[in-house]
Each structure stands twice: as structure tokens, then as C-alpha cells.
Amino acid sequence: NQHLASRIQAEILMPVGLMDTICPPSTQFAAYNKITSKKNLVIYPDFG
């Protein structure tokens, strides 16, 4: 999905847990960082 993400035109809201060991945060950011439409993160520092 990181390679598909640049096609997104929708507004994005992405909740992320920074202690996630199932879907590590960096993998999620790899997609988020490629989104060029309006976007925002909801960060949970202590949650996985």
C-alpha cells in the first residue's frame, strides 16, 4: 500500500500506535508519507 498511496485523493485520518509490533509504525508511515492529499495522524505513543 505504500506504493498505491500516492494515488489517494481522499482526505485521510490515520490513527497509529507507536508501540505496534504487529504492524510496525515505520511500515504505516511508509504509506502515510507518500499521501499527497489532505491528511492527519492521530498518534497514541504508548499503544500497540
ModelCIF file with pLDDT and N, C-alpha, C, O atoms, coordinates in Angstrom:
data_MODEL
#
_entry.id   MODEL 
#
_entity.id                         1 
_entity.type                       polymer 
_entity.pdbx_number_of_molecules   1 
#
_entity_poly.entity_id                      1 
_entity_poly.type                           'polypeptide(L)' 
_entity_poly.nstd_linkage                   no 
_entity_poly.nstd_monomer                   no 
_entity_poly.pdbx_seq_one_letter_code       NQHLASRIQAEILMPVGLMDTICPPSTQFAAYNKITSKKNLVIYPDFG 
_entity_poly.pdbx_seq_one_letter_code_can   NQHLASRIQAEILMPVGLMDTICPPSTQFAAYNKITSKKNLVIYPDFG 
_entity_poly.pdbx_strand_id                 A 
#
loop_
_entity_poly_seq.entity_id 
_entity_poly_seq.num 
_entity_poly_seq.mon_id 
_entity_poly_seq.hetero 
1 1  ASN n 
1 2  GLN n 
1 3  HIS n 
1 4  LEU n 
1 5  ALA n 
1 6  SER n 
1 7  ARG n 
1 8  ILE n 
1 9  GLN n 
1 10 ALA n 
1 11 GLU n 
1 12 ILE n 
1 13 LEU n 
1 14 MET n 
1 15 PRO n 
1 16 VAL n 
1 17 GLY n 
1 18 LEU n 
1 19 MET n 
1 20 ASP n 
1 21 THR n 
1 22 ILE n 
1 23 CYS n 
1 24 PRO n 
1 25 PRO n 
1 26 SER n 
1 27 THR n 
1 28 GLN n 
1 29 PHE n 
1 30 ALA n 
1 31 ALA n 
1 32 TYR n 
1 33 ASN n 
1 34 LYS n 
1 35 ILE n 
1 36 THR n 
1 37 SER n 
1 38 LYS n 
1 39 LYS n 
1 40 ASN n 
1 41 LEU n 
1 42 VAL n 
1 43 ILE n 
1 44 TYR n 
1 45 PRO n 
1 46 ASP n 
1 47 PHE n 
1 48 GLY n 
#
_struct_asym.id          A 
_struct_asym.entity_id   1 
#
loop_
_ma_qa_metric.id 
_ma_qa_metric.mode 
_ma_qa_metric.name 
_ma_qa_metric.software_group_id 
_ma_qa_metric.type 
1 global pLDDT . pLDDT 
2 local  pLDDT . pLDDT 
#
_ma_qa_metric_global.metric_id      1 
_ma_qa_metric_global.metric_value   97.75 
_ma_qa_metric_global.model_id       1 
_ma_qa_metric_global.ordinal_id     1 
#
loop_
_ma_qa_metric_local.label_asym_id 
_ma_qa_metric_local.label_comp_id 
_ma_qa_metric_local.label_seq_id 
_ma_qa_metric_local.metric_id 
_ma_qa_metric_local.metric_value 
_ma_qa_metric_local.model_id 
_ma_qa_metric_local.ordinal_id 
A ASN 1  2 98.00 1 1  
A GLN 2  2 98.00 1 2  
A HIS 3  2 98.00 1 3  
A LEU 4  2 98.00 1 4  
A ALA 5  2 98.00 1 5  
A SER 6  2 98.00 1 6  
A ARG 7  2 98.00 1 7  
A ILE 8  2 98.00 1 8  
A GLN 9  2 98.00 1 9  
A ALA 10 2 98.00 1 10 
A GLU 11 2 98.00 1 11 
A ILE 12 2 98.00 1 12 
A LEU 13 2 98.00 1 13 
A MET 14 2 98.00 1 14 
A PRO 15 2 98.00 1 15 
A VAL 16 2 98.00 1 16 
A GLY 17 2 98.00 1 17 
A LEU 18 2 98.00 1 18 
A MET 19 2 97.00 1 19 
A ASP 20 2 97.00 1 20 
A THR 21 2 96.00 1 21 
A ILE 22 2 96.00 1 22 
A CYS 23 2 97.00 1 23 
A PRO 24 2 97.00 1 24 
A PRO 25 2 98.00 1 25 
A SER 26 2 98.00 1 26 
A THR 27 2 98.00 1 27 
A GLN 28 2 98.00 1 28 
A PHE 29 2 98.00 1 29 
A ALA 30 2 98.00 1 30 
A ALA 31 2 98.00 1 31 
A TYR 32 2 98.00 1 32 
A ASN 33 2 98.00 1 33 
A LYS 34 2 98.00 1 34 
A ILE 35 2 98.00 1 35 
A THR 36 2 98.00 1 36 
A SER 37 2 98.00 1 37 
A LYS 38 2 98.00 1 38 
A LYS 39 2 98.00 1 39 
A ASN 40 2 98.00 1 40 
A LEU 41 2 98.00 1 41 
A VAL 42 2 98.00 1 42 
A ILE 43 2 98.00 1 43 
A TYR 44 2 98.00 1 44 
A PRO 45 2 97.00 1 45 
A ASP 46 2 97.00 1 46 
A PHE 47 2 97.00 1 47 
A GLY 48 2 97.00 1 48 
#
loop_
_atom_site.group_PDB 
_atom_site.id 
_atom_site.type_symbol 
_atom_site.label_atom_id 
_atom_site.label_alt_id 
_atom_site.label_comp_id 
_atom_site.label_asym_id 
_atom_site.label_entity_id 
_atom_site.label_seq_id 
_atom_site.pdbx_PDB_ins_code 
_atom_site.Cartn_x 
_atom_site.Cartn_y 
_atom_site.Cartn_z 
_atom_site.occupancy 
_atom_site.B_iso_or_equiv 
_atom_site.pdbx_formal_charge 
_atom_site.auth_seq_id 
_atom_site.auth_comp_id 
_atom_site.auth_asym_id 
_atom_site.auth_atom_id 
_atom_site.pdbx_PDB_model_num 
ATOM 1   N N  . ASN A 1 1  ? 0.801  -1.226 0.000  1.00 98.00 ? 1  ASN A N  1 
ATOM 2   C CA . ASN A 1 1  ? 0.000  0.000  0.000  1.00 98.00 ? 1  ASN A CA 1 
ATOM 3   C C  . ASN A 1 1  ? 0.832  1.275  0.000  1.00 98.00 ? 1  ASN A C  1 
ATOM 4   O O  . ASN A 1 1  ? 0.334  2.330  -0.391 1.00 98.00 ? 1  ASN A O  1 
ATOM 5   N N  . GLN A 1 2  ? 2.082  1.201  0.428  1.00 98.00 ? 2  GLN A N  1 
ATOM 6   C CA . GLN A 1 2  ? 2.899  2.426  0.368  1.00 98.00 ? 2  GLN A CA 1 
ATOM 7   C C  . GLN A 1 2  ? 3.055  2.910  -1.071 1.00 98.00 ? 2  GLN A C  1 
ATOM 8   O O  . GLN A 1 2  ? 3.178  4.112  -1.309 1.00 98.00 ? 2  GLN A O  1 
ATOM 9   N N  . HIS A 1 3  ? 3.052  1.981  -2.036 1.00 98.00 ? 3  HIS A N  1 
ATOM 10  C CA . HIS A 1 3  ? 3.215  2.373  -3.429 1.00 98.00 ? 3  HIS A CA 1 
ATOM 11  C C  . HIS A 1 3  ? 1.901  2.825  -4.059 1.00 98.00 ? 3  HIS A C  1 
ATOM 12  O O  . HIS A 1 3  ? 1.904  3.593  -5.021 1.00 98.00 ? 3  HIS A O  1 
ATOM 13  N N  . LEU A 1 4  ? 0.799  2.361  -3.528 1.00 98.00 ? 4  LEU A N  1 
ATOM 14  C CA . LEU A 1 4  ? -0.509 2.826  -4.005 1.00 98.00 ? 4  LEU A CA 1 
ATOM 15  C C  . LEU A 1 4  ? -0.874 4.190  -3.431 1.00 98.00 ? 4  LEU A C  1 
ATOM 16  O O  . LEU A 1 4  ? -1.675 4.919  -4.016 1.00 98.00 ? 4  LEU A O  1 
ATOM 17  N N  . ALA A 1 5  ? -0.286 4.533  -2.288 1.00 98.00 ? 5  ALA A N  1 
ATOM 18  C CA . ALA A 1 5  ? -0.764 5.678  -1.509 1.00 98.00 ? 5  ALA A CA 1 
ATOM 19  C C  . ALA A 1 5  ? -0.699 7.001  -2.257 1.00 98.00 ? 5  ALA A C  1 
ATOM 20  O O  . ALA A 1 5  ? -1.505 7.893  -1.992 1.00 98.00 ? 5  ALA A O  1 
ATOM 21  N N  . SER A 1 6  ? 0.234  7.149  -3.180 1.00 98.00 ? 6  SER A N  1 
ATOM 22  C CA . SER A 1 6  ? 0.352  8.424  -3.903 1.00 98.00 ? 6  SER A CA 1 
ATOM 23  C C  . SER A 1 6  ? -0.852 8.684  -4.805 1.00 98.00 ? 6  SER A C  1 
ATOM 24  O O  . SER A 1 6  ? -1.044 9.812  -5.259 1.00 98.00 ? 6  SER A O  1 
ATOM 25  N N  . ARG A 1 7  ? -1.661 7.666  -5.072 1.00 98.00 ? 7  ARG A N  1 
ATOM 26  C CA . ARG A 1 7  ? -2.854 7.833  -5.899 1.00 98.00 ? 7  ARG A CA 1 
ATOM 27  C C  . ARG A 1 7  ? -4.040 8.411  -5.108 1.00 98.00 ? 7  ARG A C  1 
ATOM 28  O O  . ARG A 1 7  ? -5.029 8.844  -5.700 1.00 98.00 ? 7  ARG A O  1 
ATOM 29  N N  . ILE A 1 8  ? -3.940 8.417  -3.805 1.00 98.00 ? 8  ILE A N  1 
ATOM 30  C CA . ILE A 1 8  ? -5.077 8.811  -2.971 1.00 98.00 ? 8  ILE A CA 1 
ATOM 31  C C  . ILE A 1 8  ? -5.404 10.288 -3.161 1.00 98.00 ? 8  ILE A C  1 
ATOM 32  O O  . ILE A 1 8  ? -4.514 11.139 -3.160 1.00 98.00 ? 8  ILE A O  1 
ATOM 33  N N  . GLN A 1 9  ? -6.698 10.580 -3.326 1.00 98.00 ? 9  GLN A N  1 
ATOM 34  C CA . GLN A 1 9  ? -7.188 11.953 -3.393 1.00 98.00 ? 9  GLN A CA 1 
ATOM 35  C C  . GLN A 1 9  ? -8.098 12.294 -2.212 1.00 98.00 ? 9  GLN A C  1 
ATOM 36  O O  . GLN A 1 9  ? -8.379 13.464 -1.957 1.00 98.00 ? 9  GLN A O  1 
ATOM 37  N N  . ALA A 1 10 ? -8.553 11.271 -1.497 1.00 98.00 ? 10 ALA A N  1 
ATOM 38  C CA . ALA A 1 10 ? -9.428 11.492 -0.348 1.00 98.00 ? 10 ALA A CA 1 
ATOM 39  C C  . ALA A 1 10 ? -8.676 12.146 0.808  1.00 98.00 ? 10 ALA A C  1 
ATOM 40  O O  . ALA A 1 10 ? -7.451 12.062 0.893  1.00 98.00 ? 10 ALA A O  1 
ATOM 41  N N  . GLU A 1 11 ? -9.418 12.791 1.685  1.00 98.00 ? 11 GLU A N  1 
ATOM 42  C CA . GLU A 1 11 ? -8.837 13.271 2.939  1.00 98.00 ? 11 GLU A CA 1 
ATOM 43  C C  . GLU A 1 11 ? -8.606 12.078 3.856  1.00 98.00 ? 11 GLU A C  1 
ATOM 44  O O  . GLU A 1 11 ? -9.470 11.210 3.980  1.00 98.00 ? 11 GLU A O  1 
ATOM 45  N N  . ILE A 1 12 ? -7.444 12.034 4.499  1.00 98.00 ? 12 ILE A N  1 
ATOM 46  C CA . ILE A 1 12 ? -7.036 10.868 5.287  1.00 98.00 ? 12 ILE A CA 1 
ATOM 47  C C  . ILE A 1 12 ? -6.886 11.231 6.757  1.00 98.00 ? 12 ILE A C  1 
ATOM 48  O O  . ILE A 1 12 ? -6.320 12.267 7.106  1.00 98.00 ? 12 ILE A O  1 
ATOM 49  N N  . LEU A 1 13 ? -7.410 10.349 7.616  1.00 98.00 ? 13 LEU A N  1 
ATOM 50  C CA . LEU A 1 13 ? -7.145 10.391 9.059  1.00 98.00 ? 13 LEU A CA 1 
ATOM 51  C C  . LEU A 1 13 ? -6.594 9.015  9.435  1.00 98.00 ? 13 LEU A C  1 
ATOM 52  O O  . LEU A 1 13 ? -7.272 8.005  9.246  1.00 98.00 ? 13 LEU A O  1 
ATOM 53  N N  . MET A 1 14 ? -5.370 8.968  9.966  1.00 98.00 ? 14 MET A N  1 
ATOM 54  C CA . MET A 1 14 ? -4.737 7.687  10.272 1.00 98.00 ? 14 MET A CA 1 
ATOM 55  C C  . MET A 1 14 ? -4.341 7.598  11.742 1.00 98.00 ? 14 MET A C  1 
ATOM 56  O O  . MET A 1 14 ? -3.379 8.250  12.147 1.00 98.00 ? 14 MET A O  1 
ATOM 57  N N  . PRO A 1 15 ? -5.044 6.821  12.547 1.00 98.00 ? 15 PRO A N  1 
ATOM 58  C CA . PRO A 1 15 ? -4.598 6.544  13.914 1.00 98.00 ? 15 PRO A CA 1 
ATOM 59  C C  . PRO A 1 15 ? -3.452 5.529  13.921 1.00 98.00 ? 15 PRO A C  1 
ATOM 60  O O  . PRO A 1 15 ? -3.504 4.522  13.215 1.00 98.00 ? 15 PRO A O  1 
ATOM 61  N N  . VAL A 1 16 ? -2.424 5.796  14.719 1.00 98.00 ? 16 VAL A N  1 
ATOM 62  C CA . VAL A 1 16 ? -1.222 4.974  14.785 1.00 98.00 ? 16 VAL A CA 1 
ATOM 63  C C  . VAL A 1 16 ? -0.805 4.802  16.240 1.00 98.00 ? 16 VAL A C  1 
ATOM 64  O O  . VAL A 1 16 ? -0.764 5.769  17.001 1.00 98.00 ? 16 VAL A O  1 
ATOM 65  N N  . GLY A 1 17 ? -0.492 3.548  16.628 1.00 98.00 ? 17 GLY A N  1 
ATOM 66  C CA . GLY A 1 17 ? 0.099  3.287  17.933 1.00 98.00 ? 17 GLY A CA 1 
ATOM 67  C C  . GLY A 1 17 ? 1.599  3.104  17.786 1.00 98.00 ? 17 GLY A C  1 
ATOM 68  O O  . GLY A 1 17 ? 2.037  2.227  17.043 1.00 98.00 ? 17 GLY A O  1 
ATOM 69  N N  . LEU A 1 18 ? 2.392  3.905  18.471 1.00 98.00 ? 18 LEU A N  1 
ATOM 70  C CA . LEU A 1 18 ? 3.840  3.881  18.269 1.00 98.00 ? 18 LEU A CA 1 
ATOM 71  C C  . LEU A 1 18 ? 4.514  2.660  18.893 1.00 98.00 ? 18 LEU A C  1 
ATOM 72  O O  . LEU A 1 18 ? 5.701  2.435  18.659 1.00 98.00 ? 18 LEU A O  1 
ATOM 73  N N  . MET A 1 19 ? 3.777  1.856  19.689 1.00 97.00 ? 19 MET A N  1 
ATOM 74  C CA . MET A 1 19 ? 4.323  0.623  20.252 1.00 97.00 ? 19 MET A CA 1 
ATOM 75  C C  . MET A 1 19 ? 3.820  -0.608 19.511 1.00 97.00 ? 19 MET A C  1 
ATOM 76  O O  . MET A 1 19 ? 3.829  -1.711 20.059 1.00 97.00 ? 19 MET A O  1 
ATOM 77  N N  . ASP A 1 20 ? 3.390  -0.429 18.293 1.00 97.00 ? 20 ASP A N  1 
ATOM 78  C CA . ASP A 1 20 ? 2.807  -1.508 17.490 1.00 97.00 ? 20 ASP A CA 1 
ATOM 79  C C  . ASP A 1 20 ? 3.903  -2.451 16.995 1.00 97.00 ? 20 ASP A C  1 
ATOM 80  O O  . ASP A 1 20 ? 4.773  -2.040 16.228 1.00 97.00 ? 20 ASP A O  1 
ATOM 81  N N  . THR A 1 21 ? 3.866  -3.715 17.429 1.00 96.00 ? 21 THR A N  1 
ATOM 82  C CA . THR A 1 21 ? 4.821  -4.713 16.961 1.00 96.00 ? 21 THR A CA 1 
ATOM 83  C C  . THR A 1 21 ? 4.188  -5.672 15.960 1.00 96.00 ? 21 THR A C  1 
ATOM 84  O O  . THR A 1 21 ? 4.864  -6.586 15.485 1.00 96.00 ? 21 THR A O  1 
ATOM 85  N N  . ILE A 1 22 ? 2.927  -5.495 15.629 1.00 96.00 ? 22 ILE A N  1 
ATOM 86  C CA . ILE A 1 22 ? 2.256  -6.302 14.606 1.00 96.00 ? 22 ILE A CA 1 
ATOM 87  C C  . ILE A 1 22 ? 2.389  -5.627 13.250 1.00 96.00 ? 22 ILE A C  1 
ATOM 88  O O  . ILE A 1 22 ? 2.818  -6.247 12.277 1.00 96.00 ? 22 ILE A O  1 
ATOM 89  N N  . CYS A 1 23 ? 2.021  -4.363 13.192 1.00 97.00 ? 23 CYS A N  1 
ATOM 90  C CA . CYS A 1 23 ? 2.219  -3.529 12.004 1.00 97.00 ? 23 CYS A CA 1 
ATOM 91  C C  . CYS A 1 23 ? 3.101  -2.362 12.443 1.00 97.00 ? 23 CYS A C  1 
ATOM 92  O O  . CYS A 1 23 ? 2.583  -1.314 12.829 1.00 97.00 ? 23 CYS A O  1 
ATOM 93  N N  . PRO A 1 24 ? 4.409  -2.521 12.392 1.00 97.00 ? 24 PRO A N  1 
ATOM 94  C CA . PRO A 1 24 ? 5.310  -1.521 12.969 1.00 97.00 ? 24 PRO A CA 1 
ATOM 95  C C  . PRO A 1 24 ? 5.036  -0.117 12.437 1.00 97.00 ? 24 PRO A C  1 
ATOM 96  O O  . PRO A 1 24 ? 4.693  0.046  11.266 1.00 97.00 ? 24 PRO A O  1 
ATOM 97  N N  . PRO A 1 25 ? 5.185  0.899  13.293 1.00 98.00 ? 25 PRO A N  1 
ATOM 98  C CA . PRO A 1 25 ? 4.892  2.268  12.873 1.00 98.00 ? 25 PRO A CA 1 
ATOM 99  C C  . PRO A 1 25 ? 5.580  2.692  11.583 1.00 98.00 ? 25 PRO A C  1 
ATOM 100 O O  . PRO A 1 25 ? 4.981  3.389  10.765 1.00 98.00 ? 25 PRO A O  1 
ATOM 101 N N  . SER A 1 26 ? 6.832  2.281  11.390 1.00 98.00 ? 26 SER A N  1 
ATOM 102 C CA . SER A 1 26 ? 7.538  2.702  10.181 1.00 98.00 ? 26 SER A CA 1 
ATOM 103 C C  . SER A 1 26 ? 6.830  2.200  8.932  1.00 98.00 ? 26 SER A C  1 
ATOM 104 O O  . SER A 1 26 ? 6.814  2.899  7.919  1.00 98.00 ? 26 SER A O  1 
ATOM 105 N N  . THR A 1 27 ? 6.244  1.008  8.978  1.00 98.00 ? 27 THR A N  1 
ATOM 106 C CA . THR A 1 27 ? 5.540  0.491  7.803  1.00 98.00 ? 27 THR A CA 1 
ATOM 107 C C  . THR A 1 27 ? 4.316  1.338  7.487  1.00 98.00 ? 27 THR A C  1 
ATOM 108 O O  . THR A 1 27 ? 3.980  1.558  6.323  1.00 98.00 ? 27 THR A O  1 
ATOM 109 N N  . GLN A 1 28 ? 3.657  1.807  8.533  1.00 98.00 ? 28 GLN A N  1 
ATOM 110 C CA . GLN A 1 28 ? 2.489  2.662  8.338  1.00 98.00 ? 28 GLN A CA 1 
ATOM 111 C C  . GLN A 1 28 ? 2.901  4.040  7.815  1.00 98.00 ? 28 GLN A C  1 
ATOM 112 O O  . GLN A 1 28 ? 2.247  4.606  6.938  1.00 98.00 ? 28 GLN A O  1 
ATOM 113 N N  . PHE A 1 29 ? 3.986  4.564  8.363  1.00 98.00 ? 29 PHE A N  1 
ATOM 114 C CA . PHE A 1 29 ? 4.475  5.861  7.897  1.00 98.00 ? 29 PHE A CA 1 
ATOM 115 C C  . PHE A 1 29 ? 4.974  5.782  6.461  1.00 98.00 ? 29 PHE A C  1 
ATOM 116 O O  . PHE A 1 29 ? 4.909  6.774  5.734  1.00 98.00 ? 29 PHE A O  1 
ATOM 117 N N  . ALA A 1 30 ? 5.475  4.613  6.033  1.00 98.00 ? 30 ALA A N  1 
ATOM 118 C CA . ALA A 1 30 ? 5.917  4.471  4.645  1.00 98.00 ? 30 ALA A CA 1 
ATOM 119 C C  . ALA A 1 30 ? 4.774  4.800  3.692  1.00 98.00 ? 30 ALA A C  1 
ATOM 120 O O  . ALA A 1 30 ? 4.989  5.401  2.639  1.00 98.00 ? 30 ALA A O  1 
ATOM 121 N N  . ALA A 1 31 ? 3.553  4.403  4.064  1.00 98.00 ? 31 ALA A N  1 
ATOM 122 C CA . ALA A 1 31 ? 2.381  4.742  3.252  1.00 98.00 ? 31 ALA A CA 1 
ATOM 123 C C  . ALA A 1 31 ? 1.943  6.184  3.501  1.00 98.00 ? 31 ALA A C  1 
ATOM 124 O O  . ALA A 1 31 ? 1.698  6.933  2.556  1.00 98.00 ? 31 ALA A O  1 
ATOM 125 N N  . TYR A 1 32 ? 1.844  6.566  4.759  1.00 98.00 ? 32 TYR A N  1 
ATOM 126 C CA . TYR A 1 32 ? 1.358  7.910  5.104  1.00 98.00 ? 32 TYR A CA 1 
ATOM 127 C C  . TYR A 1 32 ? 2.214  8.994  4.453  1.00 98.00 ? 32 TYR A C  1 
ATOM 128 O O  . TYR A 1 32 ? 1.685  9.987  3.955  1.00 98.00 ? 32 TYR A O  1 
ATOM 129 N N  . ASN A 1 33 ? 3.526  8.808  4.455  1.00 98.00 ? 33 ASN A N  1 
ATOM 130 C CA . ASN A 1 33 ? 4.431  9.833  3.928  1.00 98.00 ? 33 ASN A CA 1 
ATOM 131 C C  . ASN A 1 33 ? 4.289  10.044 2.427  1.00 98.00 ? 33 ASN A C  1 
ATOM 132 O O  . ASN A 1 33 ? 4.724  11.068 1.899  1.00 98.00 ? 33 ASN A O  1 
ATOM 133 N N  . LYS A 1 34 ? 3.681  9.077  1.736  1.00 98.00 ? 34 LYS A N  1 
ATOM 134 C CA . LYS A 1 34 ? 3.515  9.193  0.288  1.00 98.00 ? 34 LYS A CA 1 
ATOM 135 C C  . LYS A 1 34 ? 2.148  9.746  -0.103 1.00 98.00 ? 34 LYS A C  1 
ATOM 136 O O  . LYS A 1 34 ? 1.890  9.969  -1.286 1.00 98.00 ? 34 LYS A O  1 
ATOM 137 N N  . ILE A 1 35 ? 1.289  9.966  0.853  1.00 98.00 ? 35 ILE A N  1 
ATOM 138 C CA . ILE A 1 35 ? -0.025 10.545 0.571  1.00 98.00 ? 35 ILE A CA 1 
ATOM 139 C C  . ILE A 1 35 ? 0.131  12.048 0.361  1.00 98.00 ? 35 ILE A C  1 
ATOM 140 O O  . ILE A 1 35 ? 0.727  12.738 1.188  1.00 98.00 ? 35 ILE A O  1 
ATOM 141 N N  . THR A 1 36 ? -0.400 12.545 -0.734 1.00 98.00 ? 36 THR A N  1 
ATOM 142 C CA . THR A 1 36 ? -0.261 13.969 -1.048 1.00 98.00 ? 36 THR A CA 1 
ATOM 143 C C  . THR A 1 36 ? -1.552 14.749 -0.826 1.00 98.00 ? 36 THR A C  1 
ATOM 144 O O  . THR A 1 36 ? -1.550 15.978 -0.890 1.00 98.00 ? 36 THR A O  1 
ATOM 145 N N  . SER A 1 37 ? -2.656 14.045 -0.563 1.00 98.00 ? 37 SER A N  1 
ATOM 146 C CA . SER A 1 37 ? -3.915 14.732 -0.275 1.00 98.00 ? 37 SER A CA 1 
ATOM 147 C C  . SER A 1 37 ? -3.905 15.227 1.168  1.00 98.00 ? 37 SER A C  1 
ATOM 148 O O  . SER A 1 37 ? -2.957 14.968 1.909  1.00 98.00 ? 37 SER A O  1 
ATOM 149 N N  . LYS A 1 38 ? -4.948 15.931 1.563  1.00 98.00 ? 38 LYS A N  1 
ATOM 150 C CA . LYS A 1 38 ? -5.068 16.410 2.941  1.00 98.00 ? 38 LYS A CA 1 
ATOM 151 C C  . LYS A 1 38 ? -5.044 15.217 3.891  1.00 98.00 ? 38 LYS A C  1 
ATOM 152 O O  . LYS A 1 38 ? -5.737 14.223 3.670  1.00 98.00 ? 38 LYS A O  1 
ATOM 153 N N  . LYS A 1 39 ? -4.237 15.323 4.958  1.00 98.00 ? 39 LYS A N  1 
ATOM 154 C CA . LYS A 1 39 ? -4.070 14.157 5.828  1.00 98.00 ? 39 LYS A CA 1 
ATOM 155 C C  . LYS A 1 39 ? -3.719 14.592 7.238  1.00 98.00 ? 39 LYS A C  1 
ATOM 156 O O  . LYS A 1 39 ? -3.242 15.703 7.471  1.00 98.00 ? 39 LYS A O  1 
ATOM 157 N N  . ASN A 1 40 ? -3.969 13.677 8.179  1.00 98.00 ? 40 ASN A N  1 
ATOM 158 C CA . ASN A 1 40 ? -3.649 13.948 9.576  1.00 98.00 ? 40 ASN A CA 1 
ATOM 159 C C  . ASN A 1 40 ? -3.463 12.618 10.296 1.00 98.00 ? 40 ASN A C  1 
ATOM 160 O O  . ASN A 1 40 ? -4.117 11.626 9.972  1.00 98.00 ? 40 ASN A O  1 
ATOM 161 N N  . LEU A 1 41 ? -2.570 12.611 11.269 1.00 98.00 ? 41 LEU A N  1 
ATOM 162 C CA . LEU A 1 41 ? -2.337 11.446 12.110 1.00 98.00 ? 41 LEU A CA 1 
ATOM 163 C C  . LEU A 1 41 ? -2.982 11.637 13.477 1.00 98.00 ? 41 LEU A C  1 
ATOM 164 O O  . LEU A 1 41 ? -3.088 12.758 13.973 1.00 98.00 ? 41 LEU A O  1 
ATOM 165 N N  . VAL A 1 42 ? -3.410 10.532 14.078 1.00 98.00 ? 42 VAL A N  1 
ATOM 166 C CA . VAL A 1 42 ? -3.814 10.505 15.486 1.00 98.00 ? 42 VAL A CA 1 
ATOM 167 C C  . VAL A 1 42 ? -2.849 9.553  16.167 1.00 98.00 ? 42 VAL A C  1 
ATOM 168 O O  . VAL A 1 42 ? -2.949 8.340  15.984 1.00 98.00 ? 42 VAL A O  1 
ATOM 169 N N  . ILE A 1 43 ? -1.924 10.074 16.945 1.00 98.00 ? 43 ILE A N  1 
ATOM 170 C CA . ILE A 1 43 ? -0.822 9.278  17.485 1.00 98.00 ? 43 ILE A CA 1 
ATOM 171 C C  . ILE A 1 43 ? -1.100 8.869  18.932 1.00 98.00 ? 43 ILE A C  1 
ATOM 172 O O  . ILE A 1 43 ? -1.466 9.692  19.772 1.00 98.00 ? 43 ILE A O  1 
ATOM 173 N N  . TYR A 1 44 ? -0.915 7.580  19.195 1.00 98.00 ? 44 TYR A N  1 
ATOM 174 C CA . TYR A 1 44 ? -1.022 7.005  20.535 1.00 98.00 ? 44 TYR A CA 1 
ATOM 175 C C  . TYR A 1 44 ? 0.367  6.499  20.927 1.00 98.00 ? 44 TYR A C  1 
ATOM 176 O O  . TYR A 1 44 ? 0.733  5.390  20.537 1.00 98.00 ? 44 TYR A O  1 
ATOM 177 N N  . PRO A 1 45 ? 1.152  7.269  21.681 1.00 97.00 ? 45 PRO A N  1 
ATOM 178 C CA . PRO A 1 45 ? 2.549  6.913  21.945 1.00 97.00 ? 45 PRO A CA 1 
ATOM 179 C C  . PRO A 1 45 ? 2.734  5.599  22.697 1.00 97.00 ? 45 PRO A C  1 
ATOM 180 O O  . PRO A 1 45 ? 3.720  4.900  22.461 1.00 97.00 ? 45 PRO A O  1 
ATOM 181 N N  . ASP A 1 46 ? 1.809  5.238  23.600 1.00 97.00 ? 46 ASP A N  1 
ATOM 182 C CA . ASP A 1 46 ? 2.004  4.088  24.480 1.00 97.00 ? 46 ASP A CA 1 
ATOM 183 C C  . ASP A 1 46 ? 1.196  2.864  24.073 1.00 97.00 ? 46 ASP A C  1 
ATOM 184 O O  . ASP A 1 46 ? 1.134  1.888  24.821 1.00 97.00 ? 46 ASP A O  1 
ATOM 185 N N  . PHE A 1 47 ? 0.581  2.903  22.904 1.00 97.00 ? 47 PHE A N  1 
ATOM 186 C CA . PHE A 1 47 ? -0.306 1.818  22.495 1.00 97.00 ? 47 PHE A CA 1 
ATOM 187 C C  . PHE A 1 47 ? 0.241  1.098  21.275 1.00 97.00 ? 47 PHE A C  1 
ATOM 188 O O  . PHE A 1 47 ? 0.927  1.678  20.433 1.00 97.00 ? 47 PHE A O  1 
ATOM 189 N N  . GLY A 1 48 ? -0.088 -0.196 21.207 1.00 97.00 ? 48 GLY A N  1 
ATOM 190 C CA . GLY A 1 48 ? 0.315  -1.023 20.089 1.00 97.00 ? 48 GLY A CA 1 
ATOM 191 C C  . GLY A 1 48 ? -0.863 -1.348 19.192 1.00 97.00 ? 48 GLY A C  1 
ATOM 192 O O  . GLY A 1 48 ? -0.702 -2.044 18.190 1.00 97.00 ? 48 GLY A O  1 
#
